[in-house]
PDB file of N, CA and C in Angstrom:
ATOM      1  N   MET A   1     -15.373  12.336  11.170  1.00  0.00           N
ATOM      2  CA  MET A   1     -14.633  11.585   9.920  1.00  0.00           C
ATOM      3  C   MET A   1     -14.454  10.249   9.932  1.00  0.00           C
ATOM      4  N   PRO A   2     -14.663   9.614   9.225  1.00  0.00           N
ATOM      5  CA  PRO A   2     -14.267   7.947   9.229  1.00  0.00           C
ATOM      6  C   PRO A   2     -12.675   7.906   9.522  1.00  0.00           C
ATOM      7  N   ASP A   3     -12.068   6.944  10.160  1.00  0.00           N
ATOM      8  CA  ASP A   3     -10.471   7.058  10.155  1.00  0.00           C
ATOM      9  C   ASP A   3     -10.518   5.893   9.259  1.00  0.00           C
ATOM     10  N   PHE A   4     -10.314   6.147   7.609  1.00  0.00           N
ATOM     11  CA  PHE A   4      -9.850   5.782   6.601  1.00  0.00           C
ATOM     12  C   PHE A   4      -8.406   5.255   6.960  1.00  0.00           C
ATOM     13  N   PRO A   5      -7.498   6.365   6.968  1.00  0.00           N
ATOM     14  CA  PRO A   5      -6.078   5.529   7.149  1.00  0.00           C
ATOM     15  C   PRO A   5      -5.612   4.684   8.605  1.00  0.00           C
ATOM     16  N   TYR A   6      -6.592   4.465   9.464  1.00  0.00           N
ATOM     17  CA  TYR A   6      -6.187   3.508  10.382  1.00  0.00           C
ATOM     18  C   TYR A   6      -6.888   2.312   9.935  1.00  0.00           C
ATOM     19  N   ILE A   7      -8.121   2.264   9.215  1.00  0.00           N
ATOM     20  CA  ILE A   7      -8.732   1.147   8.927  1.00  0.00           C
ATOM     21  C   ILE A   7      -8.077   0.303   7.615  1.00  0.00           C
ATOM     22  N   ASN A   8      -7.521   1.367   6.697  1.00  0.00           N
ATOM     23  CA  ASN A   8      -6.419   0.776   5.917  1.00  0.00           C
ATOM     24  C   ASN A   8      -5.239   0.067   6.545  1.00  0.00           C
ATOM     25  N   ALA A   9      -4.662   0.660   7.244  1.00  0.00           N
ATOM     26  CA  ALA A   9      -3.714  -0.062   7.659  1.00  0.00           C
ATOM     27  C   ALA A   9      -3.673  -1.252   8.509  1.00  0.00           C
ATOM     28  N   ARG A  10      -4.911  -1.263   9.283  1.00  0.00           N
ATOM     29  CA  ARG A  10      -5.178  -2.706  10.086  1.00  0.00           C
ATOM     30  C   ARG A  10      -5.695  -3.870   8.579  1.00  0.00           C
ATOM     31  N   VAL A  11      -6.375  -3.270   7.639  1.00  0.00           N
ATOM     32  CA  VAL A  11      -6.555  -4.311   6.862  1.00  0.00           C
ATOM     33  C   VAL A  11      -5.232  -4.596   5.885  1.00  0.00           C
ATOM     34  N   ARG A  12      -4.382  -3.592   5.697  1.00  0.00           N
ATOM     35  CA  ARG A  12      -2.965  -4.192   5.364  1.00  0.00           C
ATOM     36  C   ARG A  12      -2.132  -5.254   6.255  1.00  0.00           C
ATOM     37  N   ALA A  13      -2.282  -4.928   7.539  1.00  0.00           N
ATOM     38  CA  ALA A  13      -1.164  -6.044   8.040  1.00  0.00           C
ATOM     39  C   ALA A  13      -2.083  -7.123   8.004  1.00  0.00           C
ATOM     40  N   MET A  14      -3.498  -7.353   8.187  1.00  0.00           N
ATOM     41  CA  MET A  14      -4.397  -8.359   7.807  1.00  0.00           C
ATOM     42  C   MET A  14      -3.397  -9.137   7.052  1.00  0.00           C
ATOM     43  N   ARG A  15      -3.778  -8.474   5.524  1.00  0.00           N
ATOM     44  CA  ARG A  15      -3.263  -9.049   4.066  1.00  0.00           C
ATOM     45  C   ARG A  15      -2.200 -10.371   4.432  1.00  0.00           C
ATOM     46  N   SER A  16      -1.383  -9.919   5.334  1.00  0.00           N
ATOM     47  CA  SER A  16       0.267 -10.784   5.508  1.00  0.00           C
ATOM     48  C   SER A  16      -0.532 -12.305   5.685  1.00  0.00           C
ATOM     49  N   ARG A  17      -1.784 -12.397   6.219  1.00  0.00           N
ATOM     50  CA  ARG A  17      -1.973 -13.707   6.766  1.00  0.00           C
ATOM     51  C   ARG A  17      -2.504 -14.505   5.145  1.00  0.00           C
ATOM     52  N   LEU A  18      -2.688 -13.607   4.185  1.00  0.00           N
ATOM     53  CA  LEU A  18      -3.145 -13.868   2.894  1.00  0.00           C
ATOM     54  C   LEU A  18      -2.095 -15.374   2.099  1.00  0.00           C
ATOM     55  N   LEU A  19      -2.132 -16.106   1.333  1.00  0.00           N
ATOM     56  CA  LEU A  19      -1.290 -17.153   1.061  1.00  0.00           C
ATOM     57  C   LEU A  19      -1.137 -16.725  -0.185  1.00  0.00           C
ATOM     58  N   ASP A  20       0.025 -16.420  -0.763  1.00  0.00           N
ATOM     59  CA  ASP A  20       0.351 -15.592  -1.848  1.00  0.00           C
ATOM     60  C   ASP A  20       0.430 -16.669  -3.371  1.00  0.00           C
ATOM     61  N   ALA A  21       0.291 -16.291  -4.657  1.00  0.00           N
ATOM     62  CA  ALA A  21      -0.064 -17.209  -5.675  1.00  0.00           C
ATOM     63  C   ALA A  21       1.109 -18.503  -5.663  1.00  0.00           C
ATOM     64  N   GLY A  22       2.408 -18.073  -5.046  1.00  0.00           N
ATOM     65  CA  GLY A  22       3.139 -19.039  -5.606  1.00  0.00           C
ATOM     66  C   GLY A  22       2.955 -20.676  -4.536  1.00  0.00           C
ATOM     67  N   ARG A  23       2.269 -19.814  -3.193  1.00  0.00           N
ATOM     68  CA  ARG A  23       1.764 -20.831  -2.285  1.00  0.00           C
ATOM     69  C   ARG A  23       0.605 -21.485  -2.504  1.00  0.00           C
ATOM     70  N   MET A  24      -0.202 -20.737  -3.148  1.00  0.00           N
ATOM     71  CA  MET A  24      -1.266 -21.583  -3.747  1.00  0.00           C
ATOM     72  C   MET A  24      -1.102 -22.690  -4.517  1.00  0.00           C
ATOM     73  N   GLU A  25      -0.320 -22.305  -5.359  1.00  0.00           N
ATOM     74  CA  GLU A  25       0.221 -23.195  -6.647  1.00  0.00           C
ATOM     75  C   GLU A  25       0.759 -24.316  -6.067  1.00  0.00           C
ATOM     76  N   GLU A  26       1.516 -24.228  -5.159  1.00  0.00           N
ATOM     77  CA  GLU A  26       2.346 -24.858  -4.487  1.00  0.00           C
ATOM     78  C   GLU A  26       1.206 -26.246  -3.926  1.00  0.00           C
ATOM     79  N   LEU A  27       0.204 -25.535  -2.944  1.00  0.00           N
ATOM     80  CA  LEU A  27      -0.900 -26.592  -2.292  1.00  0.00           C
ATOM     81  C   LEU A  27      -2.055 -26.940  -3.298  1.00  0.00           C
ATOM     82  N   LEU A  28      -2.345 -26.393  -4.318  1.00  0.00           N
ATOM     83  CA  LEU A  28      -2.716 -27.059  -5.396  1.00  0.00           C
ATOM     84  C   LEU A  28      -2.341 -28.337  -6.304  1.00  0.00           C
ATOM     85  N   GLY A  29      -0.880 -28.091  -6.045  1.00  0.00           N
ATOM     86  CA  GLY A  29       0.015 -29.300  -6.928  1.00  0.00           C
ATOM     87  C   GLY A  29       0.239 -30.268  -6.196  1.00  0.00           C
ATOM     88  N   LEU A  30      -0.065 -30.361  -4.947  1.00  0.00           N
ATOM     89  CA  LEU A  30       0.356 -31.800  -4.308  1.00  0.00           C
ATOM     90  C   LEU A  30      -0.820 -32.956  -4.421  1.00  0.00           C
ATOM     91  N   PRO A  31      -0.182 -34.163  -4.688  1.00  0.00           N
ATOM     92  CA  PRO A  31      -1.160 -35.284  -5.298  1.00  0.00           C
ATOM     93  C   PRO A  31      -1.928 -35.556  -4.688  1.00  0.00           C
ATOM     94  N   THR A  32      -2.046 -35.913  -3.295  1.00  0.00           N
ATOM     95  CA  THR A  32      -3.146 -36.189  -2.420  1.00  0.00           C
ATOM     96  C   THR A  32      -3.961 -35.076  -1.620  1.00  0.00           C
ATOM     97  N   PRO A  33      -5.377 -35.315  -1.379  1.00  0.00           N
ATOM     98  CA  PRO A  33      -6.338 -34.622  -0.774  1.00  0.00           C
ATOM     99  C   PRO A  33      -5.421 -34.688   0.708  1.00  0.00           C
ATOM    100  N   ASP A  34      -4.891 -35.654   1.270  1.00  0.00           N
ATOM    101  CA  ASP A  34      -4.234 -35.722   2.466  1.00  0.00           C
ATOM    102  C   ASP A  34      -3.277 -34.711   2.602  1.00  0.00           C
ATOM    103  N   ALA A  35      -2.481 -34.565   1.413  1.00  0.00           N
ATOM    104  CA  ALA A  35      -1.020 -34.086   1.516  1.00  0.00           C
ATOM    105  C   ALA A  35      -1.282 -32.418   0.986  1.00  0.00           C
ATOM    106  N   PHE A  36      -2.456 -32.175   1.141  1.00  0.00           N
ATOM    107  CA  PHE A  36      -3.284 -30.780   0.821  1.00  0.00           C
ATOM    108  C   PHE A  36      -3.503 -30.757   2.306  1.00  0.00           C
ATOM    109  N   LEU A  37      -4.471 -31.261   3.049  1.00  0.00           N
ATOM    110  CA  LEU A  37      -5.185 -30.909   4.423  1.00  0.00           C
ATOM    111  C   LEU A  37      -3.701 -30.830   5.252  1.00  0.00           C
ATOM    112  N   GLN A  38      -2.754 -31.771   5.119  1.00  0.00           N
ATOM    113  CA  GLN A  38      -1.565 -31.220   6.065  1.00  0.00           C
ATOM    114  C   GLN A  38      -0.986 -29.882   5.403  1.00  0.00           C
ATOM    115  N   ALA A  39      -0.422 -30.089   4.584  1.00  0.00           N
ATOM    116  CA  ALA A  39       0.174 -28.576   3.851  1.00  0.00           C
ATOM    117  C   ALA A  39      -0.405 -27.157   4.365  1.00  0.00           C
ATOM    118  N   LEU A  40      -1.781 -27.122   4.573  1.00  0.00           N
ATOM    119  CA  LEU A  40      -2.902 -26.205   4.693  1.00  0.00           C
ATOM    120  C   LEU A  40      -2.715 -26.226   6.144  1.00  0.00           C
ATOM    121  N   GLY A  41      -2.295 -27.268   6.798  1.00  0.00           N
ATOM    122  CA  GLY A  41      -2.113 -27.072   8.320  1.00  0.00           C
ATOM    123  C   GLY A  41      -1.204 -26.387   8.973  1.00  0.00           C
ATOM    124  N   SER A  42      -0.272 -26.128   7.920  1.00  0.00           N
ATOM    125  CA  SER A  42       0.792 -25.391   8.450  1.00  0.00           C
ATOM    126  C   SER A  42       0.797 -23.736   7.708  1.00  0.00           C
ATOM    127  N   THR A  43      -0.441 -23.388   7.419  1.00  0.00           N
ATOM    128  CA  THR A  43      -0.337 -22.076   7.295  1.00  0.00           C
ATOM    129  C   THR A  43      -1.477 -21.053   8.321  1.00  0.00           C
ATOM    130  N   PRO A  44      -1.717 -19.994   8.036  1.00  0.00           N
ATOM    131  CA  PRO A  44      -2.548 -19.176   9.344  1.00  0.00           C
ATOM    132  C   PRO A  44      -4.167 -19.605   9.123  1.00  0.00           C
ATOM    133  N   TYR A  45      -4.394 -20.437   8.149  1.00  0.00           N
ATOM    134  CA  TYR A  45      -5.802 -21.068   8.127  1.00  0.00           C
ATOM    135  C   TYR A  45      -5.773 -22.429   9.183  1.00  0.00           C
ATOM    136  N   SER A  46      -4.910 -22.876   9.630  1.00  0.00           N
ATOM    137  CA  SER A  46      -4.710 -24.009  10.679  1.00  0.00           C
ATOM    138  C   SER A  46      -5.805 -24.287  11.867  1.00  0.00           C
ATOM    139  N   ARG A  47      -5.974 -23.291  12.571  1.00  0.00           N
ATOM    140  CA  ARG A  47      -7.036 -23.088  13.494  1.00  0.00           C
ATOM    141  C   ARG A  47      -8.058 -23.716  13.037  1.00  0.00           C
ATOM    142  N   GLU A  48      -8.705 -22.847  12.038  1.00  0.00           N
ATOM    143  CA  GLU A  48     -10.074 -23.032  11.901  1.00  0.00           C
ATOM    144  C   GLU A  48      -9.947 -24.555  11.207  1.00  0.00           C
ATOM    145  N   LEU A  49      -9.163 -25.169  10.488  1.00  0.00           N
ATOM    146  CA  LEU A  49      -9.099 -26.371   9.669  1.00  0.00           C
ATOM    147  C   LEU A  49      -9.293 -27.492  10.827  1.00  0.00           C
ATOM    148  N   GLN A  50      -8.258 -27.004  11.894  1.00  0.00           N
ATOM    149  CA  GLN A  50      -8.394 -28.124  12.878  1.00  0.00           C
ATOM    150  C   GLN A  50      -9.851 -28.235  13.767  1.00  0.00           C
ATOM    151  N   GLU A  51     -10.284 -27.249  13.954  1.00  0.00           N
ATOM    152  CA  GLU A  51     -11.095 -27.210  14.566  1.00  0.00           C
ATOM    153  C   GLU A  51     -12.798 -27.410  13.682  1.00  0.00           C
ATOM    154  N   VAL A  52     -12.494 -27.464  12.558  1.00  0.00           N
ATOM    155  CA  VAL A  52     -13.500 -27.956  12.059  1.00  0.00           C
ATOM    156  C   VAL A  52     -13.367 -29.740  11.360  1.00  0.00           C
ATOM    157  N   LEU A  53     -11.993 -30.342  11.458  1.00  0.00           N
ATOM    158  CA  LEU A  53     -11.561 -31.313  11.439  1.00  0.00           C
ATOM    159  C   LEU A  53     -11.887 -32.416  12.580  1.00  0.00           C
ATOM    160  N   SER A  54     -12.016 -31.617  14.032  1.00  0.00           N
ATOM    161  CA  SER A  54     -12.192 -32.280  14.948  1.00  0.00           C
ATOM    162  C   SER A  54     -13.791 -32.629  15.161  1.00  0.00           C
ATOM    163  N   HIS A  55     -14.866 -32.302  14.002  1.00  0.00           N
ATOM    164  CA  HIS A  55     -15.701 -32.977  14.253  1.00  0.00           C
ATOM    165  C   HIS A  55     -16.313 -33.420  12.863  1.00  0.00           C
ATOM    166  N   THR A  56     -15.611 -33.361  11.847  1.00  0.00           N
ATOM    167  CA  THR A  56     -16.087 -34.130  10.726  1.00  0.00           C
ATOM    168  C   THR A  56     -14.544 -35.289   9.870  1.00  0.00           C
ATOM    169  N   HIS A  57     -14.849 -36.093   9.083  1.00  0.00           N
ATOM    170  CA  HIS A  57     -13.867 -36.648   8.341  1.00  0.00           C
ATOM    171  C   HIS A  57     -13.611 -36.330   7.426  1.00  0.00           C
ATOM    172  N   ASP A  58     -14.308 -35.780   6.625  1.00  0.00           N
ATOM    173  CA  ASP A  58     -14.486 -35.317   5.335  1.00  0.00           C
ATOM    174  C   ASP A  58     -13.469 -34.118   4.622  1.00  0.00           C
ATOM    175  N   GLY A  59     -12.299 -34.576   4.791  1.00  0.00           N
ATOM    176  CA  GLY A  59     -11.556 -33.508   4.664  1.00  0.00           C
ATOM    177  C   GLY A  59     -11.315 -31.990   3.403  1.00  0.00           C
ATOM    178  N   LEU A  60     -11.874 -32.436   2.141  1.00  0.00           N
ATOM    179  CA  LEU A  60     -12.234 -31.291   1.532  1.00  0.00           C
ATOM    180  C   LEU A  60     -13.522 -30.187   2.240  1.00  0.00           C
ATOM    181  N   ARG A  61     -14.721 -31.190   2.754  1.00  0.00           N
ATOM    182  CA  ARG A  61     -15.545 -30.528   3.382  1.00  0.00           C
ATOM    183  C   ARG A  61     -15.327 -29.717   4.438  1.00  0.00           C
ATOM    184  N   ALA A  62     -14.047 -30.343   5.120  1.00  0.00           N
ATOM    185  CA  ALA A  62     -13.411 -29.121   6.393  1.00  0.00           C
ATOM    186  C   ALA A  62     -12.915 -28.197   5.592  1.00  0.00           C
ATOM    187  N   VAL A  63     -12.101 -28.084   4.447  1.00  0.00           N
ATOM    188  CA  VAL A  63     -11.396 -27.088   4.002  1.00  0.00           C
ATOM    189  C   VAL A  63     -12.412 -25.895   3.671  1.00  0.00           C
ATOM    190  N   ASP A  64     -13.657 -26.620   3.185  1.00  0.00           N
ATOM    191  CA  ASP A  64     -14.390 -25.525   2.483  1.00  0.00           C
ATOM    192  C   ASP A  64     -14.985 -24.870   3.555  1.00  0.00           C
ATOM    193  N   GLU A  65     -15.243 -25.487   4.812  1.00  0.00           N
ATOM    194  CA  GLU A  65     -15.675 -24.679   5.800  1.00  0.00           C
ATOM    195  C   GLU A  65     -14.708 -24.219   6.795  1.00  0.00           C
ATOM    196  N   ALA A  66     -13.882 -24.624   6.589  1.00  0.00           N
ATOM    197  CA  ALA A  66     -12.517 -23.605   7.691  1.00  0.00           C
ATOM    198  C   ALA A  66     -12.398 -22.397   6.777  1.00  0.00           C
ATOM    199  N   LEU A  67     -12.442 -22.317   5.471  1.00  0.00           N
ATOM    200  CA  LEU A  67     -12.140 -21.089   4.726  1.00  0.00           C
ATOM    201  C   LEU A  67     -13.351 -19.930   5.393  1.00  0.00           C
ATOM    202  N   ALA A  68     -14.509 -20.951   4.894  1.00  0.00           N
ATOM    203  CA  ALA A  68     -15.560 -20.068   5.195  1.00  0.00           C
ATOM    204  C   ALA A  68     -15.608 -19.584   6.636  1.00  0.00           C
ATOM    205  N   ARG A  69     -15.545 -20.287   7.737  1.00  0.00           N
ATOM    206  CA  ARG A  69     -15.334 -19.619   9.056  1.00  0.00           C
ATOM    207  C   ARG A  69     -14.145 -18.686   9.039  1.00  0.00           C
ATOM    208  N   ASN A  70     -13.014 -18.945   8.497  1.00  0.00           N
ATOM    209  CA  ASN A  70     -11.846 -17.742   8.559  1.00  0.00           C
ATOM    210  C   ASN A  70     -12.326 -16.129   7.846  1.00  0.00           C
ATOM    211  N   PHE A  71     -12.909 -16.630   6.225  1.00  0.00           N
ATOM    212  CA  PHE A  71     -13.540 -15.467   5.926  1.00  0.00           C
ATOM    213  C   PHE A  71     -14.630 -14.758   6.893  1.00  0.00           C
ATOM    214  N   SER A  72     -15.370 -15.308   7.550  1.00  0.00           N
ATOM    215  CA  SER A  72     -16.292 -14.651   8.536  1.00  0.00           C
ATOM    216  C   SER A  72     -15.753 -14.180   9.614  1.00  0.00           C
ATOM    217  N   LEU A  73     -14.681 -14.565  10.435  1.00  0.00           N
ATOM    218  CA  LEU A  73     -14.141 -14.112  11.347  1.00  0.00           C
ATOM    219  C   LEU A  73     -13.650 -12.737  11.125  1.00  0.00           C
ATOM    220  N   THR A  74     -12.850 -13.169   9.628  1.00  0.00           N
ATOM    221  CA  THR A  74     -11.372 -11.897   9.179  1.00  0.00           C
ATOM    222  C   THR A  74     -12.768 -10.258   8.956  1.00  0.00           C
ATOM    223  N   THR A  75     -14.084 -10.954   8.392  1.00  0.00           N
ATOM    224  CA  THR A  75     -14.813  -9.710   7.899  1.00  0.00           C
ATOM    225  C   THR A  75     -15.518  -9.185   9.452  1.00  0.00           C
ATOM    226  N   SER A  76     -15.590 -10.013  10.267  1.00  0.00           N
ATOM    227  CA  SER A  76     -16.109  -9.573  11.218  1.00  0.00           C
ATOM    228  C   SER A  76     -15.169  -8.702  12.344  1.00  0.00           C
ATOM    229  N   ARG A  77     -13.649  -9.019  12.321  1.00  0.00           N
ATOM    230  CA  ARG A  77     -12.687  -8.284  12.702  1.00  0.00           C
ATOM    231  C   ARG A  77     -12.697  -6.920  12.032  1.00  0.00           C
ATOM    232  N   ILE A  78     -12.668  -6.610  11.045  1.00  0.00           N
ATOM    233  CA  ILE A  78     -12.609  -5.450   9.879  1.00  0.00           C
ATOM    234  C   ILE A  78     -13.624  -4.763  10.614  1.00  0.00           C
ATOM    235  N   LEU A  79     -14.992  -4.914  10.704  1.00  0.00           N
ATOM    236  CA  LEU A  79     -16.206  -4.687  10.872  1.00  0.00           C
ATOM    237  C   LEU A  79     -16.130  -3.881  12.410  1.00  0.00           C
ATOM    238  N   SER A  80     -15.184  -4.670  13.044  1.00  0.00           N
ATOM    239  CA  SER A  80     -15.186  -4.425  14.498  1.00  0.00           C
ATOM    240  C   SER A  80     -14.489  -3.151  14.787  1.00  0.00           C
ATOM    241  N   PHE A  81     -13.431  -2.634  13.808  1.00  0.00           N
ATOM    242  CA  PHE A  81     -12.492  -1.495  13.887  1.00  0.00           C
ATOM    243  C   PHE A  81     -13.056  -0.457  13.100  1.00  0.00           C
ATOM    244  N   ALA A  82     -14.291  -0.254  12.384  1.00  0.00           N
ATOM    245  CA  ALA A  82     -14.833   0.892  11.654  1.00  0.00           C
ATOM    246  C   ALA A  82     -16.327   1.179  12.376  1.00  0.00           C
ATOM    247  N   ASP A  83     -16.419   2.049  12.347  1.00  0.00           N
ATOM    248  CA  ASP A  83     -17.694   2.642  12.477  1.00  0.00           C
ATOM    249  C   ASP A  83     -18.473   3.814  11.747  1.00  0.00           C
ATOM    250  N   GLY A  84     -19.639   3.689  11.709  1.00  0.00           N
ATOM    251  CA  GLY A  84     -20.026   5.095  10.843  1.00  0.00           C
ATOM    252  C   GLY A  84     -20.635   4.836   9.689  1.00  0.00           C
ATOM    253  N   LYS A  85     -19.800   5.727   8.981  1.00  0.00           N
ATOM    254  CA  LYS A  85     -19.863   5.710   7.683  1.00  0.00           C
ATOM    255  C   LYS A  85     -18.977   5.123   7.163  1.00  0.00           C
ATOM    256  N   ALA A  86     -17.622   4.942   7.893  1.00  0.00           N
ATOM    257  CA  ALA A  86     -17.104   3.691   7.091  1.00  0.00           C
ATOM    258  C   ALA A  86     -17.441   2.090   7.366  1.00  0.00           C
ATOM    259  N   ARG A  87     -18.421   1.843   8.311  1.00  0.00           N
ATOM    260  CA  ARG A  87     -18.654   0.919   8.422  1.00  0.00           C
ATOM    261  C   ARG A  87     -19.930   0.344   7.497  1.00  0.00           C
ATOM    262  N   GLU A  88     -20.700   1.423   7.444  1.00  0.00           N
ATOM    263  CA  GLU A  88     -21.145   1.115   5.693  1.00  0.00           C
ATOM    264  C   GLU A  88     -20.830   1.251   4.811  1.00  0.00           C
ATOM    265  N   LEU A  89     -19.685   1.712   4.996  1.00  0.00           N
ATOM    266  CA  LEU A  89     -19.011   1.260   3.384  1.00  0.00           C
ATOM    267  C   LEU A  89     -18.560  -0.175   3.315  1.00  0.00           C
ATOM    268  N   ILE A  90     -17.927  -0.355   4.306  1.00  0.00           N
ATOM    269  CA  ILE A  90     -17.264  -1.775   4.544  1.00  0.00           C
ATOM    270  C   ILE A  90     -18.246  -3.053   4.099  1.00  0.00           C
ATOM    271  N   GLU A  91     -19.340  -2.540   4.568  1.00  0.00           N
ATOM    272  CA  GLU A  91     -20.470  -3.561   4.853  1.00  0.00           C
ATOM    273  C   GLU A  91     -21.111  -3.735   3.169  1.00  0.00           C
ATOM    274  N   LEU A  92     -21.021  -2.568   2.414  1.00  0.00           N
ATOM    275  CA  LEU A  92     -21.763  -2.509   1.341  1.00  0.00           C
ATOM    276  C   LEU A  92     -20.487  -3.168   0.290  1.00  0.00           C
ATOM    277  N   VAL A  93     -19.530  -2.903   0.727  1.00  0.00           N
ATOM    278  CA  VAL A  93     -18.400  -3.842  -0.292  1.00  0.00           C
ATOM    279  C   VAL A  93     -18.395  -5.492   0.093  1.00  0.00           C
ATOM    280  N   LEU A  94     -18.743  -6.098   1.108  1.00  0.00           N
ATOM    281  CA  LEU A  94     -18.937  -6.978   1.621  1.00  0.00           C
ATOM    282  C   LEU A  94     -20.369  -7.646   1.072  1.00  0.00           C
ATOM    283  N   MET A  95     -21.346  -6.965   0.829  1.00  0.00           N
ATOM    284  CA  MET A  95     -22.514  -7.512   0.238  1.00  0.00           C
ATOM    285  C   MET A  95     -22.314  -8.191  -1.037  1.00  0.00           C
ATOM    286  N   ARG A  96     -21.340  -8.003  -1.347  1.00  0.00           N
ATOM    287  CA  ARG A  96     -20.658  -8.789  -2.996  1.00  0.00           C
ATOM    288  C   ARG A  96     -20.788 -10.338  -2.507  1.00  0.00           C
ATOM    289  N   TRP A  97     -19.896 -10.334  -1.511  1.00  0.00           N
ATOM    290  CA  TRP A  97     -19.758 -11.866  -0.938  1.00  0.00           C
ATOM    291  C   TRP A  97     -20.731 -12.510  -0.664  1.00  0.00           C
ATOM    292  N   ASP A  98     -21.690 -11.833   0.067  1.00  0.00           N
ATOM    293  CA  ASP A  98     -22.992 -12.578   0.293  1.00  0.00           C
ATOM    294  C   ASP A  98     -23.690 -12.614  -1.118  1.00  0.00           C
ATOM    295  N   LEU A  99     -23.695 -11.911  -1.501  1.00  0.00           N
ATOM    296  CA  LEU A  99     -24.633 -12.286  -3.296  1.00  0.00           C
ATOM    297  C   LEU A  99     -23.839 -13.372  -3.939  1.00  0.00           C
ATOM    298  N   ALA A 100     -22.250 -13.217  -3.592  1.00  0.00           N
ATOM    299  CA  ALA A 100     -21.781 -14.429  -4.340  1.00  0.00           C
ATOM    300  C   ALA A 100     -22.050 -15.866  -3.533  1.00  0.00           C
ATOM    301  N   ASN A 101     -22.362 -15.940  -2.542  1.00  0.00           N
ATOM    302  CA  ASN A 101     -22.671 -17.033  -1.574  1.00  0.00           C
ATOM    303  C   ASN A 101     -23.957 -17.424  -1.891  1.00  0.00           C
ATOM    304  N   ILE A 102     -24.746 -16.508  -2.106  1.00  0.00           N
ATOM    305  CA  ILE A 102     -26.247 -17.128  -2.434  1.00  0.00           C
ATOM    306  C   ILE A 102     -26.446 -17.472  -4.199  1.00  0.00           C
ATOM    307  N   ARG A 103     -25.791 -16.814  -4.758  1.00  0.00           N
ATOM    308  CA  ARG A 103     -25.871 -17.502  -6.307  1.00  0.00           C
ATOM    309  C   ARG A 103     -25.178 -19.144  -6.358  1.00  0.00           C
ATOM    310  N   ILE A 104     -24.059 -19.026  -5.468  1.00  0.00           N
ATOM    311  CA  ILE A 104     -23.446 -20.657  -5.023  1.00  0.00           C
ATOM    312  C   ILE A 104     -24.461 -21.294  -4.729  1.00  0.00           C
ATOM    313  N   ILE A 105     -25.593 -21.187  -3.421  1.00  0.00           N
ATOM    314  CA  ILE A 105     -26.444 -21.907  -3.024  1.00  0.00           C
ATOM    315  C   ILE A 105     -27.539 -22.274  -3.934  1.00  0.00           C
TER     316      ILE A 105
END
């Protein structure tokens, strides 16, 4: 039987890395893209953002790539502590985002 309580607890703990609505509004209200990049650099997305900025100078493209990398790492982490039926169900939910990405492309 899948260990749903364990998986749920791990996902809830990971939720603390998400930016709340107030922080998002604050970031989006910044006057310049450079101010946005600097502020985003003090969030849990900092590591991915710095990695991307090390090889590109287009700040907004870097944000897009950094967030995509973070999403990929996060979903991989979730899948790493699930197996069997639980993993299949999580993969099914994540397919929604695959479809969204295909539509965007």
